């Protein structure tokens, strides 16, 4: 089941939450900063053990002080006008998250933010269409997949994507 929810991803009681991470896996602003603050300083140390993660990649850490048992850190593409393979990289990013999640049998529920739509400036309707498309490919393998968004406009965009009416 895919669900669209307006909430703070750091408060969700799911098996794993996804962090819209930067390549260095360091705390940043937005979702990444909020996740690092809520998880506590152990998360930063766990992330540093990986070094860098390329756009399209994903790695997993414990959730530490979060309600979620795991954090899957996913690096999306920076939007460069749509001519630098950004769509494929974002699709690959979501696929990487699902590959990591499926490799961990304890993950049956997972929550995603709108990866790459903040400071990376990926257009939200296109990002939602890509995200929902990849979520649908993996829907049968999970009990619950959540698109966890922070504002009403993003919720409406994702609901349109689920309904197949994104333009």
N, C-alpha and C. Protein backbone atom coordinates (compact mmCIF):
# COMPACT_ATOMS: atom_id res chain seq x y z
N UNK A 1 0.84 -1.19 0.00
CA UNK A 1 0.00 0.00 0.00
C UNK A 1 0.88 1.25 0.00
N UNK A 2 0.61 2.16 -0.89
CA UNK A 2 1.30 3.45 -0.94
C UNK A 2 0.38 4.49 -0.34
N UNK A 3 0.94 5.26 0.57
CA UNK A 3 0.15 6.26 1.27
C UNK A 3 0.86 7.61 1.20
N UNK A 4 0.10 8.67 1.07
CA UNK A 4 0.63 10.03 1.08
C UNK A 4 0.24 10.66 2.41
N UNK A 5 1.23 11.24 3.08
CA UNK A 5 1.01 11.74 4.43
C UNK A 5 1.76 13.06 4.62
N UNK A 6 1.10 14.02 5.22
CA UNK A 6 1.79 15.26 5.62
C UNK A 6 2.19 15.07 7.08
N UNK A 7 3.51 15.00 7.31
CA UNK A 7 4.00 14.75 8.66
C UNK A 7 5.49 15.03 8.73
N UNK A 8 6.01 14.95 9.92
CA UNK A 8 7.45 15.04 10.18
C UNK A 8 7.98 13.61 10.10
N UNK A 9 8.81 13.34 9.11
CA UNK A 9 9.30 11.99 8.87
C UNK A 9 10.05 11.43 10.08
N UNK A 10 10.62 12.29 10.90
CA UNK A 10 11.39 11.82 12.06
C UNK A 10 10.51 11.25 13.16
N UNK A 11 9.19 11.44 13.06
CA UNK A 11 8.28 10.96 14.10
C UNK A 11 7.57 9.67 13.71
N UNK A 12 7.77 9.20 12.50
CA UNK A 12 7.00 8.04 12.02
C UNK A 12 7.51 6.73 12.60
N UNK A 13 6.58 5.91 13.03
CA UNK A 13 6.90 4.59 13.55
C UNK A 13 6.84 3.59 12.40
N UNK A 14 7.88 3.61 11.58
CA UNK A 14 8.03 2.67 10.46
C UNK A 14 9.37 1.97 10.64
N UNK A 15 9.59 0.92 9.89
CA UNK A 15 10.86 0.20 10.01
C UNK A 15 12.03 1.04 9.53
N UNK A 16 11.83 1.80 8.44
CA UNK A 16 12.92 2.61 7.89
C UNK A 16 12.37 3.92 7.37
N UNK A 17 13.15 4.99 7.58
CA UNK A 17 12.86 6.25 6.91
C UNK A 17 14.01 6.52 5.95
N UNK A 18 13.71 7.29 4.94
CA UNK A 18 14.71 7.63 3.93
C UNK A 18 15.16 9.07 4.18
N UNK A 19 16.46 9.24 4.15
CA UNK A 19 17.07 10.56 4.28
C UNK A 19 17.46 11.05 2.89
N UNK A 20 16.99 12.23 2.53
CA UNK A 20 17.42 12.88 1.29
C UNK A 20 18.80 13.47 1.58
N UNK A 21 19.82 12.65 1.39
CA UNK A 21 21.17 12.96 1.83
C UNK A 21 21.99 13.70 0.78
N UNK A 22 23.07 14.33 1.25
CA UNK A 22 24.06 14.87 0.34
C UNK A 22 25.14 13.79 0.15
N UNK A 23 25.99 13.98 -0.83
CA UNK A 23 26.98 12.96 -1.18
C UNK A 23 27.93 12.63 -0.03
N UNK A 24 28.18 13.59 0.84
CA UNK A 24 29.09 13.36 1.97
C UNK A 24 28.38 12.68 3.15
N UNK A 25 27.04 12.53 3.06
CA UNK A 25 26.21 11.95 4.10
C UNK A 25 26.29 12.73 5.41
N UNK A 26 26.57 14.02 5.30
CA UNK A 26 26.66 14.89 6.46
C UNK A 26 25.32 15.54 6.73
N UNK A 27 25.10 15.97 7.98
CA UNK A 27 23.86 16.68 8.26
C UNK A 27 23.80 17.94 7.41
N UNK A 28 22.67 18.20 6.84
CA UNK A 28 22.48 19.41 6.03
C UNK A 28 21.27 20.14 6.55
N UNK A 29 20.65 20.89 5.67
CA UNK A 29 19.41 21.55 6.03
C UNK A 29 18.24 20.63 5.72
N UNK A 30 17.07 21.11 5.83
CA UNK A 30 15.87 20.37 5.44
C UNK A 30 15.73 19.02 6.12
N UNK A 31 15.30 18.04 5.35
CA UNK A 31 15.04 16.69 5.86
C UNK A 31 16.29 16.09 6.49
N UNK A 32 17.41 16.22 5.82
CA UNK A 32 18.65 15.63 6.32
C UNK A 32 19.02 16.18 7.69
N UNK A 33 18.97 17.48 7.85
CA UNK A 33 19.29 18.08 9.14
C UNK A 33 18.33 17.63 10.23
N UNK A 34 17.05 17.57 9.90
CA UNK A 34 16.05 17.14 10.87
C UNK A 34 16.28 15.69 11.31
N UNK A 35 16.60 14.83 10.36
CA UNK A 35 16.85 13.42 10.68
C UNK A 35 18.09 13.30 11.57
N UNK A 36 19.16 13.99 11.22
CA UNK A 36 20.37 13.93 12.03
C UNK A 36 20.13 14.46 13.45
N UNK A 37 19.39 15.55 13.58
CA UNK A 37 19.10 16.09 14.91
C UNK A 37 18.29 15.11 15.74
N UNK A 38 17.27 14.52 15.13
CA UNK A 38 16.40 13.61 15.86
C UNK A 38 17.08 12.29 16.20
N UNK A 39 17.96 11.82 15.34
CA UNK A 39 18.64 10.54 15.57
C UNK A 39 19.76 10.64 16.59
N UNK A 40 20.34 11.83 16.73
CA UNK A 40 21.45 12.01 17.66
C UNK A 40 22.79 11.87 16.98
N UNK A 41 23.85 12.17 17.72
CA UNK A 41 25.19 12.25 17.14
C UNK A 41 25.74 10.92 16.63
N UNK A 42 25.21 9.81 17.09
CA UNK A 42 25.69 8.51 16.59
C UNK A 42 25.42 8.34 15.10
N UNK A 43 24.37 8.99 14.60
CA UNK A 43 24.07 8.87 13.17
C UNK A 43 25.19 9.46 12.32
N UNK A 44 25.71 10.58 12.72
CA UNK A 44 26.80 11.20 11.95
C UNK A 44 28.01 10.28 11.90
N UNK A 45 28.36 9.69 13.02
CA UNK A 45 29.50 8.77 13.06
C UNK A 45 29.27 7.56 12.15
N UNK A 46 28.04 7.04 12.17
CA UNK A 46 27.72 5.89 11.31
C UNK A 46 27.84 6.28 9.84
N UNK A 47 27.39 7.47 9.49
CA UNK A 47 27.46 7.92 8.10
C UNK A 47 28.89 8.13 7.65
N UNK A 48 29.73 8.63 8.52
CA UNK A 48 31.12 8.89 8.17
C UNK A 48 31.87 7.61 7.81
N UNK A 49 31.40 6.48 8.30
CA UNK A 49 32.07 5.21 7.99
C UNK A 49 31.94 4.83 6.52
N UNK A 50 31.00 5.44 5.80
CA UNK A 50 30.79 5.12 4.39
C UNK A 50 31.62 5.98 3.44
N UNK A 51 32.10 7.11 3.90
CA UNK A 51 32.74 8.05 2.98
C UNK A 51 31.65 8.71 2.17
N UNK A 52 31.89 8.90 0.87
CA UNK A 52 30.90 9.54 0.02
C UNK A 52 29.97 8.51 -0.63
N UNK A 53 28.80 9.00 -1.02
CA UNK A 53 27.81 8.20 -1.73
C UNK A 53 27.43 8.99 -2.98
N UNK A 54 27.56 8.39 -4.12
CA UNK A 54 27.28 9.06 -5.39
C UNK A 54 25.79 9.26 -5.61
N UNK A 55 25.39 10.29 -6.37
CA UNK A 55 23.98 10.43 -6.72
C UNK A 55 23.46 9.13 -7.34
N UNK A 56 22.29 8.73 -6.89
CA UNK A 56 21.70 7.48 -7.33
C UNK A 56 21.94 6.35 -6.33
N UNK A 57 22.83 6.56 -5.39
CA UNK A 57 23.18 5.52 -4.42
C UNK A 57 22.41 5.64 -3.12
N UNK A 58 22.51 4.59 -2.31
CA UNK A 58 21.85 4.57 -1.00
C UNK A 58 22.63 3.65 -0.06
N UNK A 59 22.70 4.04 1.20
CA UNK A 59 23.32 3.23 2.25
C UNK A 59 22.40 3.22 3.46
N UNK A 60 22.60 2.27 4.35
CA UNK A 60 21.73 2.12 5.51
C UNK A 60 22.51 2.22 6.81
N UNK A 61 21.86 2.87 7.79
CA UNK A 61 22.40 2.96 9.14
C UNK A 61 21.28 2.63 10.12
N UNK A 62 21.64 2.38 11.38
CA UNK A 62 20.59 2.28 12.40
C UNK A 62 19.86 3.62 12.54
N UNK A 63 18.69 3.59 13.13
CA UNK A 63 17.93 4.80 13.37
C UNK A 63 18.30 5.51 14.65
N UNK A 64 19.06 4.86 15.51
CA UNK A 64 19.51 5.42 16.78
C UNK A 64 18.32 5.93 17.59
N UNK A 65 18.17 7.22 17.81
CA UNK A 65 17.11 7.74 18.68
C UNK A 65 15.78 7.99 17.96
N UNK A 66 15.70 7.61 16.71
CA UNK A 66 14.46 7.76 15.95
C UNK A 66 13.49 6.62 16.27
N UNK A 67 12.19 6.82 16.05
CA UNK A 67 11.26 5.69 16.16
C UNK A 67 11.53 4.62 15.11
N UNK A 68 12.05 5.01 13.95
CA UNK A 68 12.39 4.05 12.89
C UNK A 68 13.65 3.30 13.28
N UNK A 69 13.68 2.01 12.96
CA UNK A 69 14.85 1.19 13.28
C UNK A 69 16.04 1.52 12.39
N UNK A 70 15.75 1.95 11.17
CA UNK A 70 16.81 2.20 10.19
C UNK A 70 16.59 3.54 9.48
N UNK A 71 17.72 4.09 8.99
CA UNK A 71 17.68 5.24 8.09
C UNK A 71 18.41 4.80 6.82
N UNK A 72 17.74 4.95 5.69
CA UNK A 72 18.38 4.69 4.40
C UNK A 72 18.68 6.05 3.80
N UNK A 73 19.96 6.32 3.63
CA UNK A 73 20.44 7.61 3.13
C UNK A 73 20.54 7.51 1.61
N UNK A 74 19.81 8.35 0.90
CA UNK A 74 19.75 8.29 -0.56
C UNK A 74 20.16 9.64 -1.14
N UNK A 75 21.04 9.59 -2.10
CA UNK A 75 21.53 10.82 -2.72
C UNK A 75 20.88 10.99 -4.08
N UNK A 76 20.04 12.01 -4.19
CA UNK A 76 19.39 12.32 -5.45
C UNK A 76 20.24 13.25 -6.30
N UNK A 77 19.78 13.50 -7.51
CA UNK A 77 20.52 14.37 -8.42
C UNK A 77 20.18 15.85 -8.22
N UNK A 78 21.13 16.67 -8.49
CA UNK A 78 20.90 18.12 -8.57
C UNK A 78 20.23 18.38 -9.93
N UNK A 79 19.15 19.16 -9.94
CA UNK A 79 18.46 19.49 -11.19
C UNK A 79 19.31 20.47 -11.99
N UNK A 80 19.61 20.11 -13.22
CA UNK A 80 20.44 20.96 -14.09
C UNK A 80 19.70 21.28 -15.39
N UNK A 81 18.39 21.35 -15.30
CA UNK A 81 17.60 21.69 -16.46
C UNK A 81 16.99 20.50 -17.17
N UNK A 82 17.28 19.31 -16.72
CA UNK A 82 16.67 18.11 -17.29
C UNK A 82 17.44 17.46 -18.42
N UNK A 83 18.63 17.95 -18.70
CA UNK A 83 19.40 17.41 -19.83
C UNK A 83 20.67 16.70 -19.39
N UNK A 84 20.79 16.40 -18.11
CA UNK A 84 21.99 15.75 -17.59
C UNK A 84 21.67 14.40 -16.96
N UNK A 85 20.60 13.76 -17.43
CA UNK A 85 20.23 12.44 -16.92
C UNK A 85 19.56 12.45 -15.56
N UNK A 86 19.06 13.62 -15.13
CA UNK A 86 18.50 13.74 -13.80
C UNK A 86 17.33 12.77 -13.54
N UNK A 87 16.48 12.59 -14.52
CA UNK A 87 15.32 11.69 -14.34
C UNK A 87 15.79 10.27 -14.06
N UNK A 88 16.74 9.80 -14.85
CA UNK A 88 17.26 8.44 -14.66
C UNK A 88 17.97 8.29 -13.32
N UNK A 89 18.70 9.31 -12.93
CA UNK A 89 19.41 9.25 -11.65
C UNK A 89 18.41 9.21 -10.50
N UNK A 90 17.35 10.02 -10.56
CA UNK A 90 16.36 9.99 -9.49
C UNK A 90 15.65 8.63 -9.45
N UNK A 91 15.31 8.10 -10.61
CA UNK A 91 14.69 6.77 -10.67
C UNK A 91 15.63 5.74 -10.04
N UNK A 92 16.91 5.84 -10.37
CA UNK A 92 17.91 4.92 -9.81
C UNK A 92 18.04 5.10 -8.29
N UNK A 93 17.93 6.34 -7.82
CA UNK A 93 18.00 6.61 -6.38
C UNK A 93 16.89 5.87 -5.65
N UNK A 94 15.67 6.00 -6.12
CA UNK A 94 14.55 5.28 -5.48
C UNK A 94 14.75 3.77 -5.58
N UNK A 95 15.22 3.30 -6.72
CA UNK A 95 15.49 1.87 -6.87
C UNK A 95 16.56 1.40 -5.90
N UNK A 96 17.59 2.21 -5.69
CA UNK A 96 18.66 1.86 -4.75
C UNK A 96 18.11 1.74 -3.33
N UNK A 97 17.23 2.65 -2.95
CA UNK A 97 16.61 2.57 -1.62
C UNK A 97 15.87 1.25 -1.48
N UNK A 98 15.08 0.90 -2.48
CA UNK A 98 14.33 -0.35 -2.38
C UNK A 98 15.25 -1.57 -2.37
N UNK A 99 16.35 -1.54 -3.11
CA UNK A 99 17.31 -2.65 -3.07
C UNK A 99 17.91 -2.81 -1.68
N UNK A 100 18.28 -1.69 -1.07
CA UNK A 100 18.83 -1.73 0.29
C UNK A 100 17.77 -2.24 1.26
N UNK A 101 16.56 -1.73 1.15
CA UNK A 101 15.48 -2.14 2.06
C UNK A 101 15.17 -3.63 1.91
N UNK A 102 15.11 -4.12 0.69
CA UNK A 102 14.78 -5.53 0.47
C UNK A 102 15.90 -6.45 0.93
N UNK A 103 17.12 -5.95 1.01
CA UNK A 103 18.25 -6.75 1.51
C UNK A 103 18.24 -6.86 3.03
N UNK A 104 17.35 -6.13 3.68
CA UNK A 104 17.22 -6.14 5.14
C UNK A 104 15.83 -6.66 5.50
N UNK A 105 15.72 -7.93 5.84
CA UNK A 105 14.41 -8.56 6.05
C UNK A 105 13.54 -7.88 7.12
N UNK A 106 14.13 -7.11 8.01
CA UNK A 106 13.34 -6.43 9.04
C UNK A 106 12.60 -5.22 8.54
N UNK A 107 12.77 -4.86 7.28
CA UNK A 107 12.11 -3.67 6.75
C UNK A 107 10.89 -4.07 5.93
N UNK A 108 9.72 -3.82 6.52
CA UNK A 108 8.44 -4.09 5.84
C UNK A 108 7.65 -2.81 5.63
N UNK A 109 8.04 -1.75 6.35
CA UNK A 109 7.38 -0.44 6.21
C UNK A 109 8.47 0.61 6.02
N UNK A 110 8.23 1.55 5.11
CA UNK A 110 9.26 2.53 4.76
C UNK A 110 8.61 3.86 4.41
N UNK A 111 9.27 4.96 4.81
CA UNK A 111 8.76 6.30 4.52
C UNK A 111 9.81 7.10 3.77
N UNK A 112 9.38 7.77 2.72
CA UNK A 112 10.23 8.58 1.86
C UNK A 112 9.87 10.06 1.97
N UNK A 113 10.86 10.93 1.95
CA UNK A 113 10.57 12.34 1.70
C UNK A 113 10.54 12.53 0.18
N UNK A 114 10.36 13.75 -0.27
CA UNK A 114 10.41 14.06 -1.70
C UNK A 114 11.88 14.30 -2.06
N UNK A 115 12.59 13.24 -2.37
CA UNK A 115 14.03 13.29 -2.62
C UNK A 115 14.36 14.26 -3.76
N UNK A 116 15.35 15.09 -3.52
CA UNK A 116 15.95 16.02 -4.50
C UNK A 116 15.09 17.23 -4.83
N UNK A 117 13.97 17.43 -4.13
CA UNK A 117 13.09 18.55 -4.48
C UNK A 117 13.35 19.81 -3.66
N UNK A 118 14.21 19.73 -2.68
CA UNK A 118 14.54 20.91 -1.88
C UNK A 118 15.65 21.70 -2.54
N UNK A 119 16.77 21.76 -1.88
CA UNK A 119 17.91 22.54 -2.38
C UNK A 119 18.43 22.02 -3.72
N UNK A 120 18.16 20.74 -4.04
CA UNK A 120 18.60 20.18 -5.33
C UNK A 120 17.67 20.58 -6.48
N UNK A 121 16.55 21.20 -6.16
CA UNK A 121 15.66 21.89 -7.11
C UNK A 121 15.01 21.02 -8.19
N UNK A 122 14.88 19.71 -7.95
CA UNK A 122 14.18 18.84 -8.92
C UNK A 122 12.72 19.28 -8.93
N UNK A 123 12.11 19.46 -10.10
CA UNK A 123 10.70 19.87 -10.16
C UNK A 123 9.79 18.86 -9.43
N UNK A 124 8.99 19.36 -8.52
CA UNK A 124 8.20 18.47 -7.67
C UNK A 124 7.23 17.57 -8.43
N UNK A 125 6.48 18.05 -9.43
CA UNK A 125 5.58 17.13 -10.13
C UNK A 125 6.33 15.98 -10.82
N UNK A 126 7.43 16.28 -11.44
CA UNK A 126 8.22 15.24 -12.11
C UNK A 126 8.82 14.28 -11.09
N UNK A 127 9.32 14.82 -9.99
CA UNK A 127 9.88 13.96 -8.93
C UNK A 127 8.81 13.05 -8.35
N UNK A 128 7.60 13.57 -8.16
CA UNK A 128 6.51 12.75 -7.62
C UNK A 128 6.13 11.63 -8.58
N UNK A 129 6.08 11.95 -9.85
CA UNK A 129 5.75 10.94 -10.87
C UNK A 129 6.78 9.81 -10.86
N UNK A 130 8.06 10.18 -10.79
CA UNK A 130 9.13 9.18 -10.75
C UNK A 130 9.05 8.36 -9.47
N UNK A 131 8.90 9.05 -8.33
CA UNK A 131 8.84 8.36 -7.04
C UNK A 131 7.69 7.36 -7.00
N UNK A 132 6.51 7.79 -7.36
CA UNK A 132 5.33 6.91 -7.33
C UNK A 132 5.50 5.74 -8.30
N UNK A 133 6.07 6.00 -9.46
CA UNK A 133 6.31 4.92 -10.42
C UNK A 133 7.20 3.83 -9.85
N UNK A 134 8.28 4.23 -9.18
CA UNK A 134 9.19 3.23 -8.59
C UNK A 134 8.54 2.58 -7.37
N UNK A 135 7.82 3.35 -6.59
CA UNK A 135 7.11 2.76 -5.44
C UNK A 135 6.16 1.67 -5.89
N UNK A 136 5.46 1.91 -6.97
CA UNK A 136 4.50 0.91 -7.48
C UNK A 136 5.20 -0.39 -7.89
N UNK A 137 6.43 -0.27 -8.40
CA UNK A 137 7.18 -1.47 -8.79
C UNK A 137 7.51 -2.35 -7.60
N UNK A 138 7.60 -1.76 -6.41
CA UNK A 138 8.02 -2.49 -5.20
C UNK A 138 6.90 -2.64 -4.18
N UNK A 139 5.74 -2.17 -4.51
CA UNK A 139 4.61 -2.15 -3.57
C UNK A 139 4.29 -3.51 -2.97
N UNK A 140 4.33 -4.55 -3.76
CA UNK A 140 3.96 -5.88 -3.28
C UNK A 140 4.93 -6.44 -2.24
N UNK A 141 6.15 -5.92 -2.20
CA UNK A 141 7.17 -6.45 -1.29
C UNK A 141 7.12 -5.79 0.10
N UNK A 142 6.26 -4.79 0.28
CA UNK A 142 6.21 -4.06 1.54
C UNK A 142 4.79 -3.96 2.07
N UNK A 143 4.66 -3.90 3.38
CA UNK A 143 3.35 -3.73 3.99
C UNK A 143 2.84 -2.30 3.84
N UNK A 144 3.79 -1.36 3.85
CA UNK A 144 3.40 0.05 3.81
C UNK A 144 4.55 0.86 3.22
N UNK A 145 4.24 1.70 2.24
CA UNK A 145 5.18 2.66 1.67
C UNK A 145 4.53 4.03 1.82
N UNK A 146 5.26 4.94 2.48
CA UNK A 146 4.71 6.26 2.77
C UNK A 146 5.51 7.33 2.03
N UNK A 147 4.81 8.20 1.34
CA UNK A 147 5.41 9.44 0.84
C UNK A 147 5.10 10.46 1.92
N UNK A 148 6.11 10.82 2.70
CA UNK A 148 5.94 11.72 3.84
C UNK A 148 6.38 13.11 3.44
N UNK A 149 5.44 14.03 3.39
CA UNK A 149 5.68 15.36 2.83
C UNK A 149 5.42 16.44 3.87
N UNK A 150 6.00 17.61 3.64
CA UNK A 150 5.96 18.65 4.67
C UNK A 150 4.97 19.77 4.40
N UNK A 151 4.34 19.79 3.22
CA UNK A 151 3.38 20.87 2.97
C UNK A 151 2.21 20.37 2.12
N UNK A 152 1.12 21.14 2.15
CA UNK A 152 -0.10 20.73 1.44
C UNK A 152 0.09 20.66 -0.07
N UNK A 153 0.89 21.55 -0.62
CA UNK A 153 1.12 21.53 -2.07
C UNK A 153 1.80 20.23 -2.50
N UNK A 154 2.80 19.81 -1.75
CA UNK A 154 3.49 18.55 -2.07
C UNK A 154 2.55 17.36 -1.92
N UNK A 155 1.72 17.39 -0.89
CA UNK A 155 0.74 16.31 -0.70
C UNK A 155 -0.18 16.24 -1.93
N UNK A 156 -0.67 17.37 -2.40
CA UNK A 156 -1.55 17.40 -3.57
C UNK A 156 -0.83 16.87 -4.81
N UNK A 157 0.42 17.24 -4.98
CA UNK A 157 1.21 16.76 -6.13
C UNK A 157 1.35 15.25 -6.08
N UNK A 158 1.67 14.68 -4.93
CA UNK A 158 1.84 13.23 -4.79
C UNK A 158 0.51 12.51 -4.94
N UNK A 159 -0.57 13.09 -4.41
CA UNK A 159 -1.89 12.47 -4.60
C UNK A 159 -2.27 12.43 -6.07
N UNK A 160 -1.93 13.49 -6.80
CA UNK A 160 -2.17 13.50 -8.26
C UNK A 160 -1.33 12.44 -8.95
N UNK A 161 -0.09 12.29 -8.53
CA UNK A 161 0.77 11.27 -9.12
C UNK A 161 0.20 9.88 -8.87
N UNK A 162 -0.29 9.64 -7.68
CA UNK A 162 -0.91 8.33 -7.37
C UNK A 162 -2.14 8.09 -8.21
N UNK A 163 -2.89 9.15 -8.46
CA UNK A 163 -4.11 9.04 -9.28
C UNK A 163 -3.80 9.02 -10.77
N UNK A 164 -2.54 9.28 -11.12
CA UNK A 164 -2.15 9.29 -12.53
C UNK A 164 -2.52 10.57 -13.24
N UNK A 165 -2.68 11.67 -12.47
CA UNK A 165 -3.12 12.93 -13.10
C UNK A 165 -2.08 14.04 -13.00
N UNK A 166 -0.81 13.70 -12.74
CA UNK A 166 0.24 14.73 -12.70
C UNK A 166 0.47 15.23 -14.11
N UNK A 167 0.62 16.56 -14.22
CA UNK A 167 0.89 17.11 -15.56
C UNK A 167 2.28 17.68 -15.64
